Amino acid sequence: MPDHDDFGGISRDLPRLLGRRRMLGLLAGAGALTLAGCAAATSAPSGGASTATGTTTGEIPQETAGPYPADGSNGPNVLDDAGIVRSDIRASFGGSGTVAQGVPLTITLDLTRDGAALAGAAVYLWHCDRDGNYSLYSRGVTGENYLRGVQASDSAGTVRFTSVFPACYSGRWPHAHFEVYESLAAATSSGAAISTSQLALPKDVCDTVYATSGYAQSVRNLSQVSLSSDNVFRDDSAVRQLATVTGSVAGGYAATLAVPV
């Protein structure tokens, strides 16, 4: 499994915040040198904290998408694949049909803008499997695309994904990544994400899940990290990214997060 580095710096995340096509223009112009200088001045050092750059008060904090987004910005692009628009993300599509194993988890994100439900937007969500591997990138699962999917928000601004509880891998608090787009069309045509963030899972639930079969390595990894030491969640923004989780191992868990953009 490759090393995980979820603080990728401004050089990788600017394409999502500004739009991929616009970014190509910026890099091709004379402003490229200025951007490089800004990156050197604003990027955290290796292992440093992620900051909520560009986040206004009340909005979901902006975070790195990490090294394994599969959105075309760093390696493969799953967003233009037929089958990516789905609510159940447990199985790989268009190929092996392999189903990711683990304790059932439903992830619900409630999108708002200026206090009102954001209908007609879209969310691309992805996370690691119970072994800490990311499909399309990690050794042994490069041919899989499970635990990735896109959903359009309904009239209440809600998107919901059926998944499995992710592992805690070395150096990171248990989490899921997501990007918000203005529309389903934008999400599936290399459009610009309007928000990129991460969802954190609460410790008591993680402790319970990781005591079950298949999650043994997560017990040790979780004991070596905390929300206050995590390189993404250790700033004050963590409270706005911590999901509310209910349920049980036997019946599955439901994680809910408010996402104002």
Protein backbone atom coordinates (compact mmCIF):
# COMPACT_ATOMS: atom_id res chain seq x y z
CA MET A 1 0.00 0.00 0.00
CA PRO A 2 1.46 3.43 -0.90
CA ASP A 3 2.22 5.95 1.80
CA HIS A 4 -0.71 8.20 2.63
CA ASP A 5 -0.20 11.97 2.54
CA ASP A 6 -3.48 13.81 2.85
CA PHE A 7 -1.92 17.27 2.89
CA GLY A 8 -1.13 17.76 -0.76
CA GLY A 9 -0.50 21.49 -0.77
CA ILE A 10 -1.82 24.26 -2.95
CA SER A 11 -0.20 22.92 -6.11
CA ARG A 12 -2.65 20.00 -6.18
CA ASP A 13 -5.72 21.62 -4.65
CA LEU A 14 -5.86 24.86 -6.69
CA PRO A 15 -7.31 22.98 -9.70
CA ARG A 16 -10.32 21.95 -7.59
CA LEU A 17 -10.86 25.40 -6.06
CA LEU A 18 -10.38 27.38 -9.29
CA GLY A 19 -11.46 24.81 -11.87
CA ARG A 20 -9.26 22.57 -13.93
CA ARG A 21 -9.61 24.44 -17.21
CA ARG A 22 -8.99 27.82 -15.58
CA MET A 23 -5.97 26.42 -13.78
CA LEU A 24 -4.41 25.28 -17.03
CA GLY A 25 -4.69 28.83 -18.30
CA LEU A 26 -3.10 30.23 -15.18
CA LEU A 27 -0.18 27.87 -15.35
CA ALA A 28 0.36 28.61 -19.03
CA GLY A 29 0.49 32.36 -18.46
CA ALA A 30 2.96 34.66 -16.84
CA GLY A 31 1.19 34.21 -13.53
CA ALA A 32 2.70 30.76 -13.05
CA LEU A 33 5.74 32.15 -11.27
CA THR A 34 3.55 34.15 -8.93
CA LEU A 35 1.51 31.07 -8.12
CA ALA A 36 4.67 29.13 -7.37
CA GLY A 37 5.73 31.81 -4.95
CA CYS A 38 2.36 31.74 -3.24
CA ALA A 39 2.57 27.97 -2.90
CA ALA A 40 5.91 28.25 -1.17
CA ALA A 41 4.58 30.88 1.18
CA THR A 42 1.28 29.23 2.09
CA SER A 43 1.80 25.48 1.94
CA ALA A 44 2.30 23.74 5.25
CA PRO A 45 5.56 21.81 5.65
CA SER A 46 5.52 18.05 5.26
CA GLY A 47 3.35 16.61 8.03
CA GLY A 48 2.01 20.07 8.88
CA ALA A 49 -1.55 21.09 9.58
CA SER A 50 -4.09 21.70 6.87
CA THR A 51 -5.69 25.09 7.10
CA ALA A 52 -9.19 26.12 6.08
CA THR A 53 -7.89 28.27 3.22
CA GLY A 54 -10.61 30.21 1.47
CA THR A 55 -13.24 29.26 4.05
CA THR A 56 -15.56 31.98 5.30
CA THR A 57 -17.19 31.79 8.67
CA GLY A 58 -19.86 29.13 8.79
CA GLU A 59 -18.88 27.28 5.63
CA ILE A 60 -17.50 23.75 5.68
CA PRO A 61 -13.70 24.04 5.94
CA GLN A 62 -11.77 23.61 2.73
CA GLU A 63 -9.34 20.69 2.91
CA THR A 64 -6.97 18.80 0.67
CA ALA A 65 -8.51 16.05 -1.43
CA GLY A 66 -5.45 13.96 -0.61
CA PRO A 67 -3.32 11.95 -3.02
CA TYR A 68 -6.03 9.52 -4.17
CA PRO A 69 -9.00 11.54 -5.45
CA ALA A 70 -9.38 9.83 -8.86
CA ASP A 71 -10.98 13.03 -10.14
CA GLY A 72 -8.42 13.59 -12.88
CA SER A 73 -6.29 15.99 -10.85
CA ASN A 74 -3.86 13.32 -9.66
CA GLY A 75 -3.91 10.16 -11.73
CA PRO A 76 -7.08 8.41 -12.92
CA ASN A 77 -10.43 10.10 -13.43
CA VAL A 78 -13.39 7.99 -12.34
CA LEU A 79 -15.84 10.88 -12.65
CA ASP A 80 -16.33 10.42 -16.38
CA ASP A 81 -16.95 6.68 -16.07
CA ALA A 82 -20.40 5.28 -16.68
CA GLY A 83 -21.66 3.97 -13.36
CA ILE A 84 -20.06 6.54 -11.06
CA VAL A 85 -23.45 8.16 -10.33
CA ARG A 86 -24.79 5.83 -7.64
CA SER A 87 -25.80 5.79 -3.99
CA ASP A 88 -24.44 2.35 -3.10
CA ILE A 89 -20.66 2.61 -3.47
CA ARG A 90 -19.66 -0.72 -1.93
CA ALA A 91 -18.99 -2.57 -5.20
CA SER A 92 -16.64 -1.88 -8.07
CA PHE A 93 -18.54 -1.09 -11.26
CA GLY A 94 -17.83 -1.74 -14.92
CA GLY A 95 -15.50 -4.62 -14.19
CA SER A 96 -14.82 -7.04 -11.35
CA GLY A 97 -17.88 -6.24 -9.26
CA THR A 98 -15.78 -6.77 -6.13
CA VAL A 99 -17.63 -5.65 -3.02
CA ALA A 100 -15.73 -3.86 -0.25
CA GLN A 101 -16.22 -5.64 3.07
CA GLY A 102 -16.78 -4.03 6.45
CA VAL A 103 -19.33 -2.81 8.97
CA PRO A 104 -22.20 -1.11 7.06
CA LEU A 105 -22.16 2.68 7.07
CA THR A 106 -24.59 5.13 5.50
CA ILE A 107 -23.17 8.62 4.95
CA THR A 108 -25.62 11.51 4.63
CA LEU A 109 -24.52 15.04 3.74
CA ASP A 110 -26.98 17.93 4.02
CA LEU A 111 -25.92 20.72 1.66
CA THR A 112 -26.90 24.33 2.30
CA ARG A 113 -26.02 27.73 0.88
CA ASP A 114 -26.75 30.90 2.86
CA GLY A 115 -28.88 28.85 5.22
CA ALA A 116 -31.11 27.34 2.52
CA ALA A 117 -31.11 23.78 1.18
CA LEU A 118 -28.84 23.44 -1.86
CA ALA A 119 -30.88 21.35 -4.28
CA GLY A 120 -29.52 20.16 -7.61
CA ALA A 121 -25.88 20.20 -6.56
CA ALA A 122 -23.72 17.08 -6.60
CA VAL A 123 -21.27 15.38 -4.26
CA TYR A 124 -18.41 13.07 -5.14
CA LEU A 125 -17.49 11.00 -2.06
CA TRP A 126 -14.66 8.51 -1.57
CA HIS A 127 -12.76 6.83 1.25
CA CYS A 128 -10.44 3.92 2.03
CA ASP A 129 -11.57 0.36 2.65
CA ARG A 130 -11.27 -1.54 5.94
CA ASP A 131 -7.63 -2.36 5.13
CA GLY A 132 -6.78 1.32 4.65
CA ASN A 133 -6.48 0.97 0.86
CA TYR A 134 -7.84 3.39 -1.75
CA SER A 135 -9.25 1.84 -4.91
CA LEU A 136 -7.45 2.70 -8.17
CA TYR A 137 -4.26 3.58 -6.26
CA SER A 138 -3.26 1.21 -3.47
CA ARG A 139 -1.37 -2.00 -4.14
CA GLY A 140 -3.74 -4.88 -4.74
CA VAL A 141 -6.79 -2.72 -5.55
CA THR A 142 -5.61 -0.67 -8.54
CA GLY A 143 -8.12 -2.55 -10.67
CA GLU A 144 -11.02 -1.71 -8.33
CA ASN A 145 -13.11 1.47 -8.15
CA TYR A 146 -15.23 0.69 -5.10
CA LEU A 147 -15.98 3.20 -2.32
CA ARG A 148 -16.35 6.04 -4.82
CA GLY A 149 -19.57 7.58 -6.06
CA VAL A 150 -21.50 10.69 -7.07
CA GLN A 151 -24.98 11.72 -6.00
CA ALA A 152 -27.15 14.74 -6.87
CA SER A 153 -28.72 16.55 -3.94
CA ASP A 154 -32.50 16.31 -3.60
CA SER A 155 -34.95 19.14 -2.87
CA ALA A 156 -33.79 19.13 0.77
CA GLY A 157 -30.15 19.42 -0.27
CA THR A 158 -29.42 15.86 0.85
CA VAL A 159 -27.14 13.22 -0.63
CA ARG A 160 -26.83 9.73 0.83
CA PHE A 161 -24.28 6.98 0.22
CA THR A 162 -24.39 3.33 1.29
CA SER A 163 -20.87 2.24 2.18
CA VAL A 164 -18.71 0.49 4.77
CA PHE A 165 -16.87 1.89 7.76
CA PRO A 166 -13.38 3.00 6.67
CA ALA A 167 -10.17 1.94 8.39
CA CYS A 168 -7.87 4.09 10.45
CA TYR A 169 -4.58 4.01 8.59
CA SER A 170 -1.26 5.19 9.97
CA GLY A 171 -1.03 8.94 10.55
CA ARG A 172 -4.65 9.91 9.86
CA TRP A 173 -7.88 10.11 11.83
CA PRO A 174 -10.71 7.99 10.32
CA HIS A 175 -12.36 10.05 7.61
CA ALA A 176 -14.06 10.31 4.24
CA HIS A 177 -13.31 12.78 1.44
CA PHE A 178 -15.86 14.68 -0.61
CA GLU A 179 -16.12 17.35 -3.30
CA VAL A 180 -19.23 19.47 -3.91
CA TYR A 181 -20.15 20.56 -7.43
CA GLU A 182 -22.78 23.00 -8.68
CA SER A 183 -24.52 20.24 -10.63
CA LEU A 184 -24.34 16.60 -11.62
CA ALA A 185 -23.19 17.66 -15.08
CA ALA A 186 -20.30 19.63 -13.59
CA ALA A 187 -19.26 16.70 -11.41
CA THR A 188 -19.15 14.25 -14.29
CA SER A 189 -17.49 16.52 -16.89
CA SER A 190 -14.34 17.73 -15.12
CA GLY A 191 -16.04 20.88 -13.88
CA ALA A 192 -14.80 22.91 -10.95
CA ALA A 193 -15.60 21.75 -7.43
CA ILE A 194 -17.08 24.54 -5.33
CA SER A 195 -15.98 22.90 -2.09
CA THR A 196 -13.53 20.16 -1.09
CA SER A 197 -13.59 18.85 2.45
CA GLN A 198 -13.42 15.80 4.72
CA LEU A 199 -15.74 14.14 7.22
CA ALA A 200 -14.35 12.89 10.54
CA LEU A 201 -15.78 9.93 12.46
CA PRO A 202 -16.19 10.02 16.27
CA LYS A 203 -13.80 8.02 18.45
CA ASP A 204 -16.34 6.04 20.47
CA VAL A 205 -17.89 4.59 17.32
CA CYS A 206 -14.46 3.91 15.79
CA ASP A 207 -13.41 2.03 18.92
CA THR A 208 -16.49 -0.18 18.71
CA VAL A 209 -16.16 -0.89 14.99
CA TYR A 210 -12.43 -1.56 15.13
CA ALA A 211 -12.96 -4.22 17.80
CA THR A 212 -14.74 -6.33 15.16
CA SER A 213 -13.24 -8.80 12.69
CA GLY A 214 -11.28 -7.30 9.81
CA TYR A 215 -10.27 -4.04 11.47
CA ALA A 216 -7.41 -5.26 13.70
CA GLN A 217 -4.78 -2.93 12.23
CA SER A 218 -7.01 0.09 12.85
CA VAL A 219 -6.92 -0.44 16.63
CA ARG A 220 -3.19 0.31 16.83
CA ASN A 221 -3.34 3.11 14.26
CA LEU A 222 -6.17 4.86 16.12
CA SER A 223 -4.25 4.67 19.39
CA GLN A 224 -1.45 6.69 17.79
CA VAL A 225 -3.50 9.61 16.47
CA SER A 226 -6.13 12.05 17.75
CA LEU A 227 -8.28 14.77 16.29
CA SER A 228 -5.99 17.33 17.91
CA SER A 229 -2.89 15.81 16.28
CA ASP A 230 -4.36 14.90 12.88
CA ASN A 231 -2.80 16.97 10.10
CA VAL A 232 -6.21 17.88 8.67
CA PHE A 233 -8.57 18.05 11.65
CA ARG A 234 -6.25 19.49 14.31
CA ASP A 235 -7.30 23.09 13.73
CA ASP A 236 -10.49 24.63 15.10
CA SER A 237 -12.44 23.52 12.03
CA ALA A 238 -12.65 19.90 13.22
CA VAL A 239 -15.86 20.53 15.16
CA ARG A 240 -17.62 21.40 11.87
CA GLN A 241 -16.40 18.22 10.18
CA LEU A 242 -17.20 15.68 12.90
CA ALA A 243 -20.18 13.61 11.80
CA THR A 244 -23.05 12.65 14.06
CA VAL A 245 -23.15 8.84 14.06
CA THR A 246 -25.88 6.51 15.30
CA GLY A 247 -26.47 2.78 15.02
CA SER A 248 -24.68 -0.44 15.90
CA VAL A 249 -22.30 -3.01 14.49
CA ALA A 250 -25.13 -5.49 13.97
CA GLY A 251 -27.53 -3.04 12.33
CA GLY A 252 -25.01 -0.74 10.68
CA TYR A 253 -24.20 2.90 11.35
CA ALA A 254 -25.51 6.18 9.94
CA ALA A 255 -23.21 9.21 9.77
CA THR A 256 -24.68 12.67 9.10
CA LEU A 257 -22.87 15.94 8.46
CA ALA A 258 -24.14 19.44 7.70
CA VAL A 259 -22.24 20.89 4.72
CA PRO A 260 -22.75 24.64 4.25
CA VAL A 261 -20.98 25.86 1.10
